[in-house]
PDB file of N, CA and C in Angstrom:
ATOM      1  N   MET A   1      85.879  13.868  66.181  1.00  0.00           N
ATOM      2  CA  MET A   1      85.190  13.218  67.258  1.00  0.00           C
ATOM      3  C   MET A   1      83.795  13.823  67.385  1.00  0.00           C
ATOM      4  N   VAL A   2      82.803  13.002  67.666  1.00  0.00           N
ATOM      5  CA  VAL A   2      81.417  13.422  67.712  1.00  0.00           C
ATOM      6  C   VAL A   2      81.057  13.881  69.122  1.00  0.00           C
ATOM      7  N   ARG A   3      80.260  14.914  69.208  1.00  0.00           N
ATOM      8  CA  ARG A   3      79.784  15.414  70.498  1.00  0.00           C
ATOM      9  C   ARG A   3      78.755  14.443  71.070  1.00  0.00           C
ATOM     10  N   SER A   4      78.753  14.264  72.385  1.00  0.00           N
ATOM     11  CA  SER A   4      77.822  13.361  73.046  1.00  0.00           C
ATOM     12  C   SER A   4      76.378  13.803  72.816  1.00  0.00           C
ATOM     13  N   LEU A   5      75.482  12.846  72.624  1.00  0.00           N
ATOM     14  CA  LEU A   5      74.093  13.169  72.334  1.00  0.00           C
ATOM     15  C   LEU A   5      73.382  13.814  73.514  1.00  0.00           C
ATOM     16  N   TYR A   6      73.739  13.428  74.733  1.00  0.00           N
ATOM     17  CA  TYR A   6      73.035  13.983  75.888  1.00  0.00           C
ATOM     18  C   TYR A   6      73.349  15.466  76.096  1.00  0.00           C
ATOM     19  N   LYS A   7      74.468  15.948  75.548  1.00  0.00           N
ATOM     20  CA  LYS A   7      74.813  17.360  75.676  1.00  0.00           C
ATOM     21  C   LYS A   7      74.016  18.230  74.705  1.00  0.00           C
ATOM     22  N   GLY A   8      73.637  17.695  73.577  1.00  0.00           N
ATOM     23  CA  GLY A   8      72.940  18.470  72.563  1.00  0.00           C
ATOM     24  C   GLY A   8      73.924  19.220  71.687  1.00  0.00           C
ATOM     25  N   PRO A   9      73.427  19.893  70.657  1.00  0.00           N
ATOM     26  CA  PRO A   9      74.317  20.626  69.753  1.00  0.00           C
ATOM     27  C   PRO A   9      74.856  21.895  70.410  1.00  0.00           C
ATOM     28  N   PHE A  10      76.071  22.291  70.015  1.00  0.00           N
ATOM     29  CA  PHE A  10      76.662  23.526  70.534  1.00  0.00           C
ATOM     30  C   PHE A  10      76.185  24.696  69.702  1.00  0.00           C
ATOM     31  N   ILE A  11      75.645  25.710  70.382  1.00  0.00           N
ATOM     32  CA  ILE A  11      75.258  26.964  69.740  1.00  0.00           C
ATOM     33  C   ILE A  11      75.701  28.090  70.657  1.00  0.00           C
ATOM     34  N   ASN A  12      76.414  29.042  70.112  1.00  0.00           N
ATOM     35  CA  ASN A  12      76.848  30.192  70.881  1.00  0.00           C
ATOM     36  C   ASN A  12      75.611  30.957  71.371  1.00  0.00           C
ATOM     37  N   ASN A  13      75.562  31.296  72.663  1.00  0.00           N
ATOM     38  CA  ASN A  13      74.383  31.941  73.245  1.00  0.00           C
ATOM     39  C   ASN A  13      74.075  33.277  72.580  1.00  0.00           C
ATOM     40  N   LYS A  14      75.101  34.097  72.337  1.00  0.00           N
ATOM     41  CA  LYS A  14      74.874  35.394  71.709  1.00  0.00           C
ATOM     42  C   LYS A  14      74.341  35.237  70.286  1.00  0.00           C
ATOM     43  N   LEU A  15      74.841  34.249  69.575  1.00  0.00           N
ATOM     44  CA  LEU A  15      74.396  33.999  68.207  1.00  0.00           C
ATOM     45  C   LEU A  15      72.933  33.570  68.189  1.00  0.00           C
ATOM     46  N   LEU A  16      72.533  32.726  69.124  1.00  0.00           N
ATOM     47  CA  LEU A  16      71.149  32.265  69.197  1.00  0.00           C
ATOM     48  C   LEU A  16      70.211  33.421  69.549  1.00  0.00           C
ATOM     49  N   LYS A  17      70.620  34.274  70.477  1.00  0.00           N
ATOM     50  CA  LYS A  17      69.809  35.439  70.831  1.00  0.00           C
ATOM     51  C   LYS A  17      69.660  36.384  69.645  1.00  0.00           C
ATOM     52  N   ASP A  18      70.748  36.580  68.893  1.00  0.00           N
ATOM     53  CA  ASP A  18      70.702  37.444  67.715  1.00  0.00           C
ATOM     54  C   ASP A  18      69.760  36.880  66.647  1.00  0.00           C
ATOM     55  N   ALA A  19      69.764  35.559  66.480  1.00  0.00           N
ATOM     56  CA  ALA A  19      68.903  34.923  65.478  1.00  0.00           C
ATOM     57  C   ALA A  19      67.429  35.073  65.860  1.00  0.00           C
ATOM     58  N   ILE A  20      67.109  34.869  67.123  1.00  0.00           N
ATOM     59  CA  ILE A  20      65.729  35.013  67.575  1.00  0.00           C
ATOM     60  C   ILE A  20      65.280  36.471  67.456  1.00  0.00           C
ATOM     61  N   HIS A  21      66.164  37.399  67.817  1.00  0.00           N
ATOM     62  CA  HIS A  21      65.853  38.830  67.701  1.00  0.00           C
ATOM     63  C   HIS A  21      65.650  39.214  66.236  1.00  0.00           C
ATOM     64  N   ALA A  22      66.452  38.664  65.341  1.00  0.00           N
ATOM     65  CA  ALA A  22      66.332  38.974  63.916  1.00  0.00           C
ATOM     66  C   ALA A  22      65.006  38.467  63.356  1.00  0.00           C
ATOM     67  N   LYS A  23      64.569  37.279  63.786  1.00  0.00           N
ATOM     68  CA  LYS A  23      63.299  36.730  63.308  1.00  0.00           C
ATOM     69  C   LYS A  23      62.120  37.570  63.794  1.00  0.00           C
ATOM     70  N   GLU A  24      62.174  38.030  65.049  1.00  0.00           N
ATOM     71  CA  GLU A  24      61.072  38.809  65.607  1.00  0.00           C
ATOM     72  C   GLU A  24      60.963  40.189  64.981  1.00  0.00           C
ATOM     73  N   ASN A  25      62.090  40.806  64.660  1.00  0.00           N
ATOM     74  CA  ASN A  25      62.100  42.180  64.158  1.00  0.00           C
ATOM     75  C   ASN A  25      62.317  42.280  62.660  1.00  0.00           C
ATOM     76  N   ASN A  26      62.196  41.171  61.938  1.00  0.00           N
ATOM     77  CA  ASN A  26      62.338  41.120  60.479  1.00  0.00           C
ATOM     78  C   ASN A  26      63.680  41.653  59.998  1.00  0.00           C
ATOM     79  N   VAL A  27      64.737  41.373  60.748  1.00  0.00           N
ATOM     80  CA  VAL A  27      66.093  41.695  60.303  1.00  0.00           C
ATOM     81  C   VAL A  27      66.561  40.519  59.455  1.00  0.00           C
ATOM     82  N   LYS A  28      67.140  40.795  58.305  1.00  0.00           N
ATOM     83  CA  LYS A  28      67.461  39.735  57.350  1.00  0.00           C
ATOM     84  C   LYS A  28      68.870  39.173  57.485  1.00  0.00           C
ATOM     85  N   PHE A  29      69.749  39.788  58.291  1.00  0.00           N
ATOM     86  CA  PHE A  29      71.119  39.300  58.370  1.00  0.00           C
ATOM     87  C   PHE A  29      71.670  39.493  59.771  1.00  0.00           C
ATOM     88  N   ILE A  30      72.675  38.646  60.112  1.00  0.00           N
ATOM     89  CA  ILE A  30      73.406  38.771  61.373  1.00  0.00           C
ATOM     90  C   ILE A  30      74.875  38.467  61.095  1.00  0.00           C
ATOM     91  N   TYR A  31      75.751  38.977  61.951  1.00  0.00           N
ATOM     92  CA  TYR A  31      77.190  38.749  61.838  1.00  0.00           C
ATOM     93  C   TYR A  31      77.638  37.839  62.970  1.00  0.00           C
ATOM     94  N   THR A  32      78.585  36.937  62.684  1.00  0.00           N
ATOM     95  CA  THR A  32      79.095  36.059  63.724  1.00  0.00           C
ATOM     96  C   THR A  32      80.535  35.665  63.440  1.00  0.00           C
ATOM     97  N   ARG A  33      81.234  35.327  64.509  1.00  0.00           N
ATOM     98  CA  ARG A  33      82.574  34.757  64.399  1.00  0.00           C
ATOM     99  C   ARG A  33      82.579  33.311  64.868  1.00  0.00           C
ATOM    100  N   SER A  34      81.450  32.805  65.298  1.00  0.00           N
ATOM    101  CA  SER A  34      81.350  31.460  65.845  1.00  0.00           C
ATOM    102  C   SER A  34      81.170  30.451  64.714  1.00  0.00           C
ATOM    103  N   ARG A  35      82.274  29.922  64.225  1.00  0.00           N
ATOM    104  CA  ARG A  35      82.235  28.927  63.151  1.00  0.00           C
ATOM    105  C   ARG A  35      81.896  27.541  63.683  1.00  0.00           C
ATOM    106  N   SER A  36      82.009  27.337  64.999  1.00  0.00           N
ATOM    107  CA  SER A  36      81.785  26.014  65.582  1.00  0.00           C
ATOM    108  C   SER A  36      80.348  25.797  66.026  1.00  0.00           C
ATOM    109  N   SER A  37      79.482  26.788  65.840  1.00  0.00           N
ATOM    110  CA  SER A  37      78.081  26.643  66.224  1.00  0.00           C
ATOM    111  C   SER A  37      77.336  25.808  65.192  1.00  0.00           C
ATOM    112  N   THR A  38      76.351  25.052  65.676  1.00  0.00           N
ATOM    113  CA  THR A  38      75.547  24.194  64.817  1.00  0.00           C
ATOM    114  C   THR A  38      74.360  24.979  64.274  1.00  0.00           C
ATOM    115  N   ILE A  39      73.998  24.709  63.029  1.00  0.00           N
ATOM    116  CA  ILE A  39      72.864  25.378  62.394  1.00  0.00           C
ATOM    117  C   ILE A  39      71.577  24.677  62.832  1.00  0.00           C
ATOM    118  N   THR A  40      70.625  25.446  63.370  1.00  0.00           N
ATOM    119  CA  THR A  40      69.344  24.903  63.820  1.00  0.00           C
ATOM    120  C   THR A  40      68.201  25.596  63.082  1.00  0.00           C
ATOM    121  N   PHE A  41      66.966  25.258  63.479  1.00  0.00           N
ATOM    122  CA  PHE A  41      65.785  25.819  62.822  1.00  0.00           C
ATOM    123  C   PHE A  41      65.673  27.330  62.987  1.00  0.00           C
ATOM    124  N   ASP A  42      66.309  27.885  64.013  1.00  0.00           N
ATOM    125  CA  ASP A  42      66.221  29.325  64.255  1.00  0.00           C
ATOM    126  C   ASP A  42      66.920  30.147  63.178  1.00  0.00           C
ATOM    127  N   PHE A  43      67.809  29.543  62.407  1.00  0.00           N
ATOM    128  CA  PHE A  43      68.607  30.270  61.423  1.00  0.00           C
ATOM    129  C   PHE A  43      68.066  30.160  60.000  1.00  0.00           C
ATOM    130  N   ILE A  44      67.005  29.400  59.779  1.00  0.00           N
ATOM    131  CA  ILE A  44      66.502  29.186  58.426  1.00  0.00           C
ATOM    132  C   ILE A  44      66.033  30.512  57.817  1.00  0.00           C
ATOM    133  N   ASP A  45      66.372  30.747  56.573  1.00  0.00           N
ATOM    134  CA  ASP A  45      66.036  31.942  55.777  1.00  0.00           C
ATOM    135  C   ASP A  45      66.713  33.205  56.285  1.00  0.00           C
ATOM    136  N   LEU A  46      67.796  33.087  57.022  1.00  0.00           N
ATOM    137  CA  LEU A  46      68.586  34.243  57.436  1.00  0.00           C
ATOM    138  C   LEU A  46      69.860  34.312  56.612  1.00  0.00           C
ATOM    139  N   MET A  47      70.354  35.507  56.408  1.00  0.00           N
ATOM    140  CA  MET A  47      71.658  35.702  55.804  1.00  0.00           C
ATOM    141  C   MET A  47      72.630  35.891  56.960  1.00  0.00           C
ATOM    142  N   VAL A  48      73.575  34.972  57.094  1.00  0.00           N
ATOM    143  CA  VAL A  48      74.542  35.016  58.184  1.00  0.00           C
ATOM    144  C   VAL A  48      75.905  35.334  57.579  1.00  0.00           C
ATOM    145  N   TYR A  49      76.534  36.384  58.094  1.00  0.00           N
ATOM    146  CA  TYR A  49      77.880  36.744  57.660  1.00  0.00           C
ATOM    147  C   TYR A  49      78.856  36.112  58.638  1.00  0.00           C
ATOM    148  N   ILE A  50      79.715  35.212  58.132  1.00  0.00           N
ATOM    149  CA  ILE A  50      80.622  34.436  58.968  1.00  0.00           C
ATOM    150  C   ILE A  50      82.047  34.898  58.725  1.00  0.00           C
ATOM    151  N   TYR A  51      82.771  35.105  59.795  1.00  0.00           N
ATOM    152  CA  TYR A  51      84.150  35.592  59.739  1.00  0.00           C
ATOM    153  C   TYR A  51      85.093  34.420  59.510  1.00  0.00           C
ATOM    154  N   ASN A  52      85.973  34.535  58.509  1.00  0.00           N
ATOM    155  CA  ASN A  52      86.906  33.451  58.226  1.00  0.00           C
ATOM    156  C   ASN A  52      88.320  33.760  58.704  1.00  0.00           C
ATOM    157  N   GLY A  53      88.507  34.858  59.416  1.00  0.00           N
ATOM    158  CA  GLY A  53      89.816  35.248  59.892  1.00  0.00           C
ATOM    159  C   GLY A  53      90.345  36.478  59.186  1.00  0.00           C
ATOM    160  N   LYS A  54      89.739  36.817  58.062  1.00  0.00           N
ATOM    161  CA  LYS A  54      90.156  38.005  57.304  1.00  0.00           C
ATOM    162  C   LYS A  54      88.985  38.938  57.038  1.00  0.00           C
ATOM    163  N   LYS A  55      87.869  38.388  56.581  1.00  0.00           N
ATOM    164  CA  LYS A  55      86.681  39.193  56.327  1.00  0.00           C
ATOM    165  C   LYS A  55      85.431  38.323  56.482  1.00  0.00           C
ATOM    166  N   TYR A  56      84.275  38.968  56.444  1.00  0.00           N
ATOM    167  CA  TYR A  56      83.003  38.276  56.602  1.00  0.00           C
ATOM    168  C   TYR A  56      82.486  37.815  55.239  1.00  0.00           C
ATOM    169  N   PHE A  57      81.989  36.571  55.202  1.00  0.00           N
ATOM    170  CA  PHE A  57      81.423  36.022  53.982  1.00  0.00           C
ATOM    171  C   PHE A  57      79.945  35.740  54.199  1.00  0.00           C
ATOM    172  N   PRO A  58      79.079  36.092  53.227  1.00  0.00           N
ATOM    173  CA  PRO A  58      77.643  35.850  53.397  1.00  0.00           C
ATOM    174  C   PRO A  58      77.292  34.382  53.163  1.00  0.00           C
ATOM    175  N   LEU A  59      76.310  33.919  53.926  1.00  0.00           N
ATOM    176  CA  LEU A  59      75.830  32.547  53.786  1.00  0.00           C
ATOM    177  C   LEU A  59      74.334  32.543  54.020  1.00  0.00           C
ATOM    178  N   ARG A  60      73.560  32.178  53.003  1.00  0.00           N
ATOM    179  CA  ARG A  60      72.105  32.074  53.129  1.00  0.00           C
ATOM    180  C   ARG A  60      71.790  30.689  53.692  1.00  0.00           C
ATOM    181  N   ILE A  61      71.104  30.625  54.817  1.00  0.00           N
ATOM    182  CA  ILE A  61      70.815  29.358  55.492  1.00  0.00           C
ATOM    183  C   ILE A  61      69.559  28.742  54.886  1.00  0.00           C
ATOM    184  N   LYS A  62      69.670  27.466  54.481  1.00  0.00           N
ATOM    185  CA  LYS A  62      68.565  26.717  53.895  1.00  0.00           C
ATOM    186  C   LYS A  62      68.300  25.485  54.752  1.00  0.00           C
ATOM    187  N   GLU A  63      67.221  24.787  54.479  1.00  0.00           N
ATOM    188  CA  GLU A  63      66.855  23.609  55.270  1.00  0.00           C
ATOM    189  C   GLU A  63      67.861  22.471  55.112  1.00  0.00           C
ATOM    190  N   ASP A  64      68.544  22.409  53.996  1.00  0.00           N
ATOM    191  CA  ASP A  64      69.522  21.341  53.765  1.00  0.00           C
ATOM    192  C   ASP A  64      70.732  21.463  54.688  1.00  0.00           C
ATOM    193  N   MET A  65      70.959  22.632  55.243  1.00  0.00           N
ATOM    194  CA  MET A  65      72.143  22.888  56.058  1.00  0.00           C
ATOM    195  C   MET A  65      71.944  22.552  57.537  1.00  0.00           C
ATOM    196  N   LEU A  66      70.751  22.141  57.929  1.00  0.00           N
ATOM    197  CA  LEU A  66      70.484  21.853  59.343  1.00  0.00           C
ATOM    198  C   LEU A  66      71.401  20.745  59.854  1.00  0.00           C
ATOM    199  N   GLY A  67      71.972  20.963  61.033  1.00  0.00           N
ATOM    200  CA  GLY A  67      72.845  19.969  61.644  1.00  0.00           C
ATOM    201  C   GLY A  67      74.316  20.156  61.332  1.00  0.00           C
ATOM    202  N   TYR A  68      74.642  20.960  60.343  1.00  0.00           N
ATOM    203  CA  TYR A  68      76.031  21.228  60.006  1.00  0.00           C
ATOM    204  C   TYR A  68      76.549  22.397  60.846  1.00  0.00           C
ATOM    205  N   LYS A  69      77.852  22.584  60.835  1.00  0.00           N
ATOM    206  CA  LYS A  69      78.469  23.726  61.504  1.00  0.00           C
ATOM    207  C   LYS A  69      78.603  24.871  60.496  1.00  0.00           C
ATOM    208  N   PHE A  70      78.654  26.099  60.997  1.00  0.00           N
ATOM    209  CA  PHE A  70      78.834  27.247  60.113  1.00  0.00           C
ATOM    210  C   PHE A  70      80.176  27.192  59.397  1.00  0.00           C
ATOM    211  N   GLY A  71      81.193  26.671  60.050  1.00  0.00           N
ATOM    212  CA  GLY A  71      82.527  26.607  59.477  1.00  0.00           C
ATOM    213  C   GLY A  71      82.660  25.637  58.324  1.00  0.00           C
ATOM    214  N   ASP A  72      81.691  24.733  58.152  1.00  0.00           N
ATOM    215  CA  ASP A  72      81.749  23.772  57.047  1.00  0.00           C
ATOM    216  C   ASP A  72      81.561  24.436  55.694  1.00  0.00           C
ATOM    217  N   PHE A  73      80.963  25.613  55.668  1.00  0.00           N
ATOM    218  CA  PHE A  73      80.625  26.264  54.408  1.00  0.00           C
ATOM    219  C   PHE A  73      81.550  27.418  54.055  1.00  0.00           C
ATOM    220  N   ILE A  74      82.356  27.874  55.008  1.00  0.00           N
ATOM    221  CA  ILE A  74      83.259  28.994  54.777  1.00  0.00           C
ATOM    222  C   ILE A  74      84.691  28.509  54.976  1.00  0.00           C
ATOM    223  N   PHE A  75      85.523  28.642  53.957  1.00  0.00           N
ATOM    224  CA  PHE A  75      86.898  28.178  54.024  1.00  0.00           C
ATOM    225  C   PHE A  75      87.816  29.286  54.543  1.00  0.00           C
ATOM    226  N   THR A  76      88.857  28.881  55.279  1.00  0.00           N
ATOM    227  CA  THR A  76      89.783  29.859  55.846  1.00  0.00           C
ATOM    228  C   THR A  76      91.068  29.973  55.040  1.00  0.00           C
ATOM    229  N   LYS A  77      91.302  29.048  54.135  1.00  0.00           N
ATOM    230  CA  LYS A  77      92.527  29.073  53.342  1.00  0.00           C
ATOM    231  C   LYS A  77      92.190  29.131  51.865  1.00  0.00           C
ATOM    232  N   LYS A  78      93.037  29.819  51.106  1.00  0.00           N
ATOM    233  CA  LYS A  78      92.868  29.882  49.670  1.00  0.00           C
ATOM    234  C   LYS A  78      93.417  28.612  49.033  1.00  0.00           C
ATOM    235  N   LYS A  79      92.864  28.245  47.904  1.00  0.00           N
ATOM    236  CA  LYS A  79      93.385  27.103  47.169  1.00  0.00           C
ATOM    237  C   LYS A  79      94.672  27.508  46.464  1.00  0.00           C
ATOM    238  N   MET A  80      95.631  26.632  46.461  1.00  0.00           N
ATOM    239  CA  MET A  80      96.907  26.899  45.806  1.00  0.00           C
ATOM    240  C   MET A  80      96.752  26.741  44.298  1.00  0.00           C
ATOM    241  N   VAL A  81      97.155  27.758  43.563  1.00  0.00           N
ATOM    242  CA  VAL A  81      97.088  27.737  42.106  1.00  0.00           C
ATOM    243  C   VAL A  81      98.466  28.080  41.571  1.00  0.00           C
ATOM    244  N   PHE A  82      99.009  27.186  40.762  1.00  0.00           N
ATOM    245  CA  PHE A  82     100.309  27.440  40.155  1.00  0.00           C
ATOM    246  C   PHE A  82     100.141  28.351  38.953  1.00  0.00           C
ATOM    247  N   LYS A  83     101.044  29.305  38.820  1.00  0.00           N
ATOM    248  CA  LYS A  83     101.005  30.201  37.685  1.00  0.00           C
ATOM    249  C   LYS A  83     101.665  29.520  36.494  1.00  0.00           C
ATOM    250  N   LYS A  84     101.093  29.731  35.329  1.00  0.00           N
ATOM    251  CA  LYS A  84     101.664  29.159  34.123  1.00  0.00           C
ATOM    252  C   LYS A  84     102.848  30.002  33.685  1.00  0.00           C
ATOM    253  N   LYS A  85     103.884  29.333  33.212  1.00  0.00           N
ATOM    254  CA  LYS A  85     105.087  30.035  32.736  1.00  0.00           C
ATOM    255  C   LYS A  85     104.819  30.551  31.334  1.00  0.00           C
ATOM    256  N   LYS A  86     105.355  31.739  31.060  1.00  0.00           N
ATOM    257  CA  LYS A  86     105.236  32.305  29.724  1.00  0.00           C
ATOM    258  C   LYS A  86     106.299  31.699  28.823  1.00  0.00           C
ATOM    259  N   LYS A  87     105.926  31.430  27.591  1.00  0.00           N
ATOM    260  CA  LYS A  87     106.895  30.890  26.639  1.00  0.00           C
ATOM    261  C   LYS A  87     107.788  32.004  26.129  1.00  0.00           C
ATOM    262  N   LYS A  88     109.085  31.713  26.064  1.00  0.00           N
ATOM    263  CA  LYS A  88     110.042  32.688  25.569  1.00  0.00           C
ATOM    264  C   LYS A  88     110.071  32.686  24.059  1.00  0.00           C
ATOM    265  N   LYS A  89     110.175  33.868  23.462  1.00  0.00           N
ATOM    266  CA  LYS A  89     110.282  33.964  22.016  1.00  0.00           C
ATOM    267  C   LYS A  89     111.742  33.831  21.639  1.00  0.00           C
ATOM    268  N   LYS A  90     112.002  33.138  20.537  1.00  0.00           N
ATOM    269  CA  LYS A  90     113.385  32.931  20.069  1.00  0.00           C
ATOM    270  C   LYS A  90     113.773  33.973  19.080  1.00  0.00           C
TER     271      LYS A  90
END
């Protein structure tokens, strides 16, 4: 379901403050657990470490990512891979 336009995009307040502080003080990375926040112009050229429930994954923010959520780029589940059976020797 899409968020109403009159509300604007959701951005965690602490995350936005950290991004502005990082830009002013030339800090190149920030950590966050807010996967539901929308990527805006304040995050461009920052390295954002996003928590997936187990550990933090790095994500370099580019202009193509504007308007997406942070959670769209970091997966929380591993892909299922079947192991191949070894052939028995006769």
